[in-house]
């Protein structure tokens, strides 16, 4: 859960970078990983999202 939370923080930065400096399509993989990390943290108990 903590690892997924840490990667989620990194992915927020990655999504922001890709939205600001590259074509929007390049942000999609980082956004998908962010969503997956959020689901992991949410389902594993109380944490960042849940």
N, C-alpha and C. Protein backbone atom coordinates (compact mmCIF):
# COMPACT_ATOMS: atom_id res chain seq x y z
N UNK A 1 0.83 -1.19 0.00
CA UNK A 1 0.00 0.00 0.00
C UNK A 1 0.88 1.26 0.00
N UNK A 2 1.93 1.26 0.80
CA UNK A 2 2.78 2.44 0.86
C UNK A 2 3.56 2.65 -0.44
N UNK A 3 3.98 1.54 -1.03
CA UNK A 3 4.70 1.64 -2.30
C UNK A 3 3.79 2.20 -3.39
N UNK A 4 2.55 1.73 -3.43
CA UNK A 4 1.60 2.23 -4.41
C UNK A 4 1.31 3.72 -4.17
N UNK A 5 1.26 4.12 -2.93
CA UNK A 5 1.06 5.54 -2.61
C UNK A 5 2.23 6.39 -3.07
N UNK A 6 3.44 5.89 -2.87
CA UNK A 6 4.63 6.63 -3.32
C UNK A 6 4.70 6.74 -4.83
N UNK A 7 4.39 5.64 -5.52
CA UNK A 7 4.39 5.69 -6.98
C UNK A 7 3.29 6.61 -7.48
N UNK A 8 2.15 6.65 -6.79
CA UNK A 8 1.06 7.54 -7.19
C UNK A 8 1.51 9.00 -7.14
N UNK A 9 2.28 9.36 -6.13
CA UNK A 9 2.79 10.73 -6.03
C UNK A 9 3.69 11.05 -7.22
N UNK A 10 4.55 10.10 -7.57
CA UNK A 10 5.43 10.28 -8.73
C UNK A 10 4.61 10.40 -10.01
N UNK A 11 3.56 9.61 -10.14
CA UNK A 11 2.74 9.63 -11.34
C UNK A 11 1.95 10.93 -11.48
N UNK A 12 1.61 11.55 -10.37
CA UNK A 12 0.96 12.87 -10.44
C UNK A 12 1.90 13.85 -11.13
N UNK A 13 3.16 13.81 -10.74
CA UNK A 13 4.16 14.66 -11.38
C UNK A 13 4.35 14.32 -12.84
N UNK A 14 4.34 13.03 -13.16
CA UNK A 14 4.52 12.61 -14.55
C UNK A 14 3.35 13.06 -15.41
N UNK A 15 2.14 12.92 -14.90
CA UNK A 15 0.96 13.37 -15.66
C UNK A 15 1.04 14.88 -15.88
N UNK A 16 1.38 15.62 -14.84
CA UNK A 16 1.49 17.07 -14.97
C UNK A 16 2.54 17.44 -16.02
N UNK A 17 3.69 16.80 -15.96
CA UNK A 17 4.75 17.09 -16.93
C UNK A 17 4.28 16.83 -18.35
N UNK A 18 3.68 15.67 -18.58
CA UNK A 18 3.26 15.33 -19.93
C UNK A 18 2.15 16.24 -20.43
N UNK A 19 1.26 16.67 -19.56
CA UNK A 19 0.20 17.57 -20.00
C UNK A 19 0.74 18.96 -20.35
N UNK A 20 1.78 19.38 -19.66
CA UNK A 20 2.32 20.73 -19.88
C UNK A 20 3.35 20.79 -21.00
N UNK A 21 4.13 19.72 -21.22
CA UNK A 21 5.29 19.82 -22.09
C UNK A 21 5.32 18.86 -23.28
N UNK A 22 4.41 17.92 -23.35
CA UNK A 22 4.40 16.96 -24.45
C UNK A 22 2.98 16.82 -24.98
N UNK A 23 2.79 16.10 -26.08
CA UNK A 23 1.41 15.85 -26.54
C UNK A 23 0.60 15.11 -25.46
N UNK A 24 -0.67 15.42 -25.41
CA UNK A 24 -1.54 14.87 -24.36
C UNK A 24 -1.55 13.34 -24.37
N UNK A 25 -1.43 12.74 -25.54
CA UNK A 25 -1.48 11.28 -25.63
C UNK A 25 -0.35 10.61 -24.83
N UNK A 26 0.74 11.31 -24.62
CA UNK A 26 1.84 10.73 -23.86
C UNK A 26 1.56 10.70 -22.36
N UNK A 27 0.53 11.38 -21.90
CA UNK A 27 0.17 11.36 -20.48
C UNK A 27 -0.72 10.17 -20.13
N UNK A 28 -1.26 9.50 -21.12
CA UNK A 28 -2.21 8.41 -20.87
C UNK A 28 -1.59 7.27 -20.06
N UNK A 29 -0.40 6.73 -20.42
CA UNK A 29 0.15 5.64 -19.61
C UNK A 29 0.39 6.04 -18.14
N UNK A 30 0.89 7.24 -17.92
CA UNK A 30 1.12 7.69 -16.54
C UNK A 30 -0.21 7.82 -15.79
N UNK A 31 -1.24 8.26 -16.47
CA UNK A 31 -2.55 8.40 -15.85
C UNK A 31 -3.12 7.02 -15.49
N UNK A 32 -2.94 6.04 -16.37
CA UNK A 32 -3.42 4.69 -16.10
C UNK A 32 -2.71 4.10 -14.87
N UNK A 33 -1.39 4.29 -14.79
CA UNK A 33 -0.64 3.80 -13.63
C UNK A 33 -1.12 4.53 -12.37
N UNK A 34 -1.38 5.81 -12.46
CA UNK A 34 -1.89 6.57 -11.33
C UNK A 34 -3.23 6.01 -10.84
N UNK A 35 -4.12 5.70 -11.76
CA UNK A 35 -5.42 5.13 -11.39
C UNK A 35 -5.24 3.76 -10.73
N UNK A 36 -4.37 2.93 -11.29
CA UNK A 36 -4.11 1.61 -10.71
C UNK A 36 -3.56 1.72 -9.29
N UNK A 37 -2.63 2.63 -9.09
CA UNK A 37 -2.07 2.84 -7.74
C UNK A 37 -3.15 3.32 -6.78
N UNK A 38 -4.00 4.21 -7.26
CA UNK A 38 -5.09 4.70 -6.42
C UNK A 38 -6.04 3.59 -6.01
N UNK A 39 -6.32 2.69 -6.93
CA UNK A 39 -7.20 1.55 -6.61
C UNK A 39 -6.54 0.62 -5.60
N UNK A 40 -5.25 0.39 -5.74
CA UNK A 40 -4.53 -0.47 -4.79
C UNK A 40 -4.57 0.15 -3.40
N UNK A 41 -4.26 1.42 -3.31
CA UNK A 41 -4.26 2.08 -1.99
C UNK A 41 -5.66 2.08 -1.40
N UNK A 42 -6.66 2.32 -2.22
CA UNK A 42 -8.04 2.38 -1.74
C UNK A 42 -8.51 1.01 -1.24
N UNK A 43 -8.14 -0.05 -1.91
CA UNK A 43 -8.62 -1.38 -1.53
C UNK A 43 -7.82 -2.01 -0.41
N UNK A 44 -6.63 -1.52 -0.13
CA UNK A 44 -5.78 -2.12 0.90
C UNK A 44 -6.07 -1.57 2.30
N UNK A 45 -6.98 -0.67 2.41
CA UNK A 45 -7.32 -0.15 3.75
C UNK A 45 -7.19 1.35 3.79
N UNK A 46 -7.13 1.87 4.99
CA UNK A 46 -7.03 3.31 5.14
C UNK A 46 -5.65 3.75 4.66
N UNK A 47 -5.63 4.81 3.92
CA UNK A 47 -4.38 5.29 3.36
C UNK A 47 -4.60 6.65 2.74
N UNK A 48 -3.93 6.90 1.66
CA UNK A 48 -3.97 8.21 1.02
C UNK A 48 -5.39 8.50 0.49
N UNK A 49 -6.00 7.54 -0.18
CA UNK A 49 -7.29 7.77 -0.82
C UNK A 49 -8.44 7.27 0.06
N UNK A 50 -8.27 6.16 0.70
CA UNK A 50 -9.38 5.54 1.40
C UNK A 50 -9.28 5.69 2.83
